[in-house]
Amino acid sequence: MKKLLAGLLAACMAVSLTACSSDGGTDASANADGGEQTELVVFAAASLTETLEQIAENYKKVAPDVTLAFNFDSSGTLKTQIQEGADCDVFISAAQKQMDQLDAAADPSVNTEGLDFVQSDSRLDLLENKVTLAVPEGNPKGIDSFDSLAEHLQSGDILLAMGNSDVPVGQYTQKILTFYGLDEATLANAGCLTYGTNVKEVTTQVREGSVDAGIIYATDAFSDGLTIVDEATADMCGQVIYPAAVLKTSAHPEAAQAFLDYLSTDEAMTVFESVGFSPVS
């Protein structure tokens, strides 16, 4: 009987050890494959959609343990989501204003609510874009420049797509209208303007030919294969700078900083430049 009990005990121990070995093997395999995954949540302006998705694929080779989750929308919407407590590790805005509104180190006249979300020592001016005038296929109204656009708007015989006032591309457009002495409210009341909640919506209206022209970024025109007839100068609307920063609320600040550093590398900048972005000079 003792021999029988001893044999049963030995068998149970062997099964137990085998199970532990099997579990340990699974863990070891997971570690060999790169260990525990870190998910970084990146809030980025809608105009960065195609480039950042491509960069994410490239970044898998650089940091296989990091998964990038993107939230693309207008910078104003993203700013509000961050302010309301949305999880976000890295913020890339299409204008300084939305970043400044979250940065305690920014001018209080811009950061009027005293918000303190930006890790200021991580903040950098990542990219420059251009504001352009795009037309649908065939350019039925024959608009060939911003000067021509202004003349048509004064005549009230075209429909222009622009971004909302809380969207950077809309704010740049407002500056262009002011440059030409055009009143936005008057144009809107005359039925000459239609709006988009982000630059992608404006781009879609131009591509579908539901408007006669749209003011969008050069990169979005490139991505959608649209015809650009003119490019706004700095005198008309200022420089289009995209700031980026790690947020103080980041759950993974070191990984977030590493990704932000990668965005400034030649490898990442090649992707940005392929659609019309350029490094900030």
Protein backbone atom coordinates (compact mmCIF):
# COMPACT_ATOMS: atom_id res chain seq x y z
CA MET A 1 0.00 0.00 0.00
CA LYS A 2 2.83 2.38 0.90
CA LYS A 3 4.47 1.66 -2.44
CA LEU A 4 1.17 2.34 -4.21
CA LEU A 5 0.69 5.68 -2.40
CA ALA A 6 4.26 6.67 -3.10
CA GLY A 7 3.77 5.91 -6.79
CA LEU A 8 0.58 7.95 -6.96
CA LEU A 9 2.26 10.90 -5.23
CA ALA A 10 5.18 10.77 -7.61
CA ALA A 11 2.84 10.71 -10.57
CA CYS A 12 0.92 13.74 -9.28
CA MET A 13 4.14 15.67 -8.75
CA ALA A 14 5.26 14.83 -12.25
CA VAL A 15 2.00 16.13 -13.75
CA SER A 16 2.25 19.30 -11.62
CA LEU A 17 5.82 19.96 -12.72
CA THR A 18 4.88 19.37 -16.34
CA ALA A 19 2.05 21.92 -16.06
CA CYS A 20 4.37 24.50 -14.47
CA SER A 21 6.92 23.86 -17.15
CA SER A 22 4.26 24.34 -19.81
CA ASP A 23 3.09 27.66 -18.29
CA GLY A 24 6.66 28.85 -17.90
CA GLY A 25 7.33 27.94 -21.50
CA THR A 26 4.41 30.11 -22.60
CA ASP A 27 5.71 33.08 -20.61
CA ALA A 28 9.22 32.60 -21.96
CA SER A 29 7.86 32.48 -25.49
CA ALA A 30 5.98 35.72 -24.89
CA ASN A 31 9.12 37.39 -23.57
CA ALA A 32 11.11 36.09 -26.51
CA ASP A 33 8.56 37.68 -28.82
CA GLY A 34 9.20 41.07 -27.27
CA GLY A 35 7.76 40.98 -23.77
CA GLU A 36 4.77 42.90 -22.53
CA GLN A 37 3.27 45.30 -25.06
CA THR A 38 3.04 49.01 -24.29
CA GLU A 39 0.18 50.85 -25.94
CA LEU A 40 0.79 54.51 -26.71
CA VAL A 41 -2.24 56.64 -27.45
CA VAL A 42 -1.42 59.37 -29.97
CA PHE A 43 -3.84 62.23 -30.60
CA ALA A 44 -3.00 63.80 -33.96
CA ALA A 45 -4.47 66.31 -36.38
CA ALA A 46 -6.55 64.68 -39.12
CA SER A 47 -4.12 65.85 -41.80
CA LEU A 48 -1.52 63.44 -40.37
CA THR A 49 -3.63 60.32 -40.86
CA GLU A 50 -1.87 58.72 -43.82
CA THR A 51 1.67 59.59 -42.78
CA LEU A 52 1.38 58.45 -39.17
CA GLU A 53 -0.25 55.18 -40.18
CA GLN A 54 2.74 54.51 -42.45
CA ILE A 55 5.19 55.58 -39.75
CA ALA A 56 3.44 53.22 -37.30
CA GLU A 57 4.26 50.31 -39.59
CA ASN A 58 7.91 51.38 -39.73
CA TYR A 59 8.05 51.92 -35.97
CA LYS A 60 7.19 48.26 -35.33
CA LYS A 61 10.73 47.43 -36.43
CA VAL A 62 12.23 50.07 -34.14
CA ALA A 63 10.12 49.32 -31.06
CA PRO A 64 8.37 45.94 -31.46
CA ASP A 65 7.10 46.11 -27.86
CA VAL A 66 5.14 49.31 -28.56
CA THR A 67 1.66 49.45 -30.11
CA LEU A 68 0.45 52.80 -31.41
CA ALA A 69 -3.25 53.68 -31.11
CA PHE A 70 -4.24 56.82 -33.02
CA ASN A 71 -7.09 59.26 -32.56
CA PHE A 72 -7.30 61.54 -35.61
CA ASP A 73 -9.54 64.60 -35.58
CA SER A 74 -9.42 68.38 -35.68
CA SER A 75 -6.89 69.84 -33.23
CA GLY A 76 -9.67 71.72 -31.45
CA THR A 77 -11.66 68.54 -30.85
CA LEU A 78 -8.56 66.70 -29.65
CA LYS A 79 -7.69 69.54 -27.27
CA THR A 80 -11.17 69.35 -25.76
CA GLN A 81 -10.97 65.58 -25.37
CA ILE A 82 -7.62 65.87 -23.58
CA GLN A 83 -8.98 68.60 -21.33
CA GLU A 84 -11.94 66.38 -20.45
CA GLY A 85 -9.67 63.53 -19.34
CA ALA A 86 -9.22 61.30 -22.38
CA ASP A 87 -6.22 58.97 -22.22
CA CYS A 88 -3.44 60.41 -24.37
CA ASP A 89 0.34 60.02 -24.36
CA VAL A 90 1.40 62.21 -27.30
CA PHE A 91 -0.43 65.18 -28.84
CA ILE A 92 0.39 66.51 -32.31
CA SER A 93 -1.56 69.63 -33.24
CA ALA A 94 -1.95 71.33 -36.62
CA ALA A 95 -1.42 74.74 -34.99
CA GLN A 96 0.30 76.29 -31.99
CA LYS A 97 -2.96 77.59 -30.52
CA GLN A 98 -4.41 74.25 -29.44
CA MET A 99 -1.10 73.15 -27.94
CA ASP A 100 -0.68 76.48 -26.16
CA GLN A 101 -4.15 76.14 -24.67
CA LEU A 102 -2.93 73.00 -22.85
CA ASP A 103 0.55 74.27 -21.93
CA ALA A 104 1.09 76.04 -18.60
CA ALA A 105 4.27 77.57 -20.03
CA ALA A 106 2.34 79.29 -22.84
CA ASP A 107 1.14 82.87 -22.85
CA PRO A 108 -1.80 83.23 -20.42
CA SER A 109 -3.65 85.20 -23.07
CA VAL A 110 -3.85 81.94 -25.06
CA ASN A 111 -3.97 79.44 -22.19
CA THR A 112 -6.83 81.34 -20.62
CA GLU A 113 -7.94 78.43 -18.43
CA GLY A 114 -4.51 77.80 -16.91
CA LEU A 115 -4.42 74.22 -18.19
CA ASP A 116 -1.30 72.18 -17.44
CA PHE A 117 -1.25 69.06 -19.62
CA VAL A 118 1.91 69.52 -21.70
CA GLN A 119 5.33 68.24 -20.65
CA SER A 120 6.95 71.48 -21.74
CA ASP A 121 10.51 70.16 -22.05
CA SER A 122 9.27 67.58 -24.58
CA ARG A 123 7.49 70.09 -26.80
CA LEU A 124 8.92 70.72 -30.26
CA ASP A 125 7.90 72.22 -33.59
CA LEU A 126 7.77 69.01 -35.62
CA LEU A 127 6.55 69.90 -39.10
CA GLU A 128 5.53 72.66 -41.46
CA ASN A 129 2.61 72.40 -43.88
CA LYS A 130 1.19 74.76 -46.49
CA VAL A 131 -2.32 76.15 -46.84
CA THR A 132 -3.50 75.69 -50.41
CA LEU A 133 -6.46 76.41 -52.66
CA ALA A 134 -7.78 73.21 -54.23
CA VAL A 135 -10.44 72.75 -56.90
CA PRO A 136 -12.51 69.76 -58.02
CA GLU A 137 -11.82 67.85 -61.22
CA GLY A 138 -12.26 70.05 -64.26
CA ASN A 139 -12.22 73.26 -62.20
CA PRO A 140 -15.65 74.33 -63.53
CA LYS A 141 -15.39 77.90 -62.19
CA GLY A 142 -11.89 78.43 -63.57
CA ILE A 143 -10.48 79.52 -60.21
CA ASP A 144 -6.72 79.74 -60.64
CA SER A 145 -5.48 81.70 -57.59
CA PHE A 146 -6.44 83.17 -54.24
CA ASP A 147 -6.87 86.50 -56.03
CA SER A 148 -9.36 84.83 -58.36
CA LEU A 149 -11.11 83.21 -55.40
CA ALA A 150 -11.53 86.59 -53.71
CA GLU A 151 -13.05 88.09 -56.84
CA HIS A 152 -15.56 85.24 -57.14
CA LEU A 153 -16.47 85.52 -53.46
CA GLN A 154 -17.06 89.24 -53.85
CA SER A 155 -19.33 88.47 -56.80
CA GLY A 156 -21.10 85.79 -54.78
CA ASP A 157 -21.05 83.23 -57.59
CA ILE A 158 -19.11 80.35 -56.00
CA LEU A 159 -19.30 77.97 -53.04
CA LEU A 160 -16.13 77.67 -50.94
CA ALA A 161 -15.50 74.89 -48.43
CA MET A 162 -13.55 75.83 -45.30
CA GLY A 163 -12.94 74.47 -41.82
CA ASN A 164 -14.94 75.52 -38.78
CA SER A 165 -13.57 78.35 -36.63
CA ASP A 166 -12.28 75.89 -33.99
CA VAL A 167 -10.26 73.98 -36.59
CA PRO A 168 -6.75 75.20 -37.51
CA VAL A 169 -7.37 75.04 -41.25
CA GLY A 170 -10.52 77.11 -40.66
CA GLN A 171 -8.55 79.64 -38.64
CA TYR A 172 -5.97 79.93 -41.42
CA THR A 173 -8.82 80.44 -43.89
CA GLN A 174 -10.29 83.21 -41.74
CA LYS A 175 -6.94 84.99 -41.90
CA ILE A 176 -6.94 84.69 -45.68
CA LEU A 177 -10.45 86.15 -45.90
CA THR A 178 -9.34 89.04 -43.68
CA PHE A 179 -6.26 89.54 -45.86
CA TYR A 180 -8.58 90.14 -48.82
CA GLY A 181 -10.95 92.32 -46.81
CA LEU A 182 -13.77 89.76 -46.99
CA ASP A 183 -16.29 89.37 -44.18
CA GLU A 184 -16.95 85.74 -43.30
CA ALA A 185 -20.42 86.33 -41.83
CA THR A 186 -21.53 88.21 -44.95
CA LEU A 187 -20.25 85.46 -47.21
CA ALA A 188 -21.92 82.77 -45.10
CA ASN A 189 -25.25 84.61 -45.15
CA ALA A 190 -24.96 84.93 -48.92
CA GLY A 191 -24.56 81.15 -49.24
CA CYS A 192 -20.96 81.33 -50.46
CA LEU A 193 -19.45 79.21 -47.67
CA THR A 194 -19.83 75.67 -46.42
CA TYR A 195 -17.96 74.19 -43.48
CA GLY A 196 -16.19 71.03 -42.34
CA THR A 197 -15.45 69.90 -38.79
CA ASN A 198 -11.92 68.96 -39.86
CA VAL A 199 -9.72 69.24 -42.92
CA LYS A 200 -10.71 65.78 -44.17
CA GLU A 201 -14.35 66.87 -44.45
CA VAL A 202 -13.32 69.93 -46.47
CA THR A 203 -11.15 67.74 -48.69
CA THR A 204 -14.05 65.35 -49.30
CA GLN A 205 -16.32 68.19 -50.42
CA VAL A 206 -13.72 69.27 -52.98
CA ARG A 207 -13.09 65.73 -54.19
CA GLU A 208 -16.81 65.04 -54.62
CA GLY A 209 -17.31 68.31 -56.52
CA SER A 210 -20.01 69.56 -54.16
CA VAL A 211 -18.14 72.88 -53.90
CA ASP A 212 -16.25 75.06 -56.37
CA ALA A 213 -13.08 75.24 -54.25
CA GLY A 214 -11.73 74.44 -50.82
CA ILE A 215 -8.92 75.71 -48.63
CA ILE A 216 -6.98 72.74 -47.31
CA TYR A 217 -3.43 71.67 -46.53
CA ALA A 218 -1.02 70.73 -49.30
CA THR A 219 -0.63 67.28 -47.75
CA ASP A 220 -4.36 66.53 -47.88
CA ALA A 221 -4.56 67.69 -51.48
CA PHE A 222 -1.65 65.36 -52.27
CA SER A 223 -3.19 62.39 -50.46
CA ASP A 224 -6.52 62.81 -52.30
CA GLY A 225 -5.00 63.62 -55.68
CA LEU A 226 -6.63 67.06 -55.82
CA THR A 227 -5.56 69.93 -58.04
CA ILE A 228 -3.84 72.79 -56.22
CA VAL A 229 -4.13 76.14 -57.96
CA ASP A 230 -2.41 78.35 -55.40
CA GLU A 231 -0.49 78.33 -52.13
CA ALA A 232 -1.04 80.88 -49.36
CA THR A 233 1.92 83.01 -48.34
CA ALA A 234 3.00 83.67 -44.76
CA ASP A 235 1.67 87.23 -45.15
CA MET A 236 -1.77 85.82 -45.82
CA CYS A 237 -2.10 83.37 -42.95
CA GLY A 238 1.24 82.89 -41.20
CA GLN A 239 3.30 79.71 -41.02
CA VAL A 240 1.53 76.39 -40.58
CA ILE A 241 3.53 74.74 -37.80
CA TYR A 242 2.65 71.41 -36.20
CA PRO A 243 3.85 71.24 -32.57
CA ALA A 244 4.12 67.92 -30.75
CA ALA A 245 4.57 67.02 -27.09
CA VAL A 246 4.32 64.30 -24.48
CA LEU A 247 1.48 64.93 -22.05
CA LYS A 248 1.91 65.00 -18.28
CA THR A 249 -0.96 62.54 -18.01
CA SER A 250 0.88 59.94 -20.11
CA ALA A 251 0.89 56.46 -18.59
CA HIS A 252 4.14 55.68 -20.45
CA PRO A 253 6.19 58.90 -20.58
CA GLU A 254 9.51 57.26 -21.50
CA ALA A 255 8.00 55.29 -24.38
CA ALA A 256 6.07 58.39 -25.46
CA GLN A 257 9.27 60.45 -25.53
CA ALA A 258 11.05 57.74 -27.51
CA PHE A 259 8.30 57.81 -30.15
CA LEU A 260 8.38 61.59 -30.27
CA ASP A 261 12.15 61.46 -30.77
CA TYR A 262 11.67 58.97 -33.60
CA LEU A 263 9.34 61.36 -35.44
CA SER A 264 12.26 63.74 -35.92
CA THR A 265 14.54 61.10 -37.45
CA ASP A 266 15.46 61.02 -41.13
CA GLU A 267 13.47 57.80 -41.54
CA ALA A 268 10.23 59.33 -40.26
CA MET A 269 10.84 62.68 -41.95
CA THR A 270 11.16 60.92 -45.31
CA VAL A 271 7.57 59.71 -44.91
CA PHE A 272 6.35 63.18 -43.93
CA GLU A 273 8.15 64.82 -46.84
CA SER A 274 6.73 62.32 -49.35
CA VAL A 275 3.28 63.91 -48.99
CA GLY A 276 4.36 67.54 -48.74
CA PHE A 277 5.34 68.18 -45.13
CA SER A 278 8.72 69.71 -44.41
CA PRO A 279 10.94 70.08 -41.32
CA VAL A 280 10.53 73.40 -39.57
CA SER A 281 13.31 75.70 -40.75
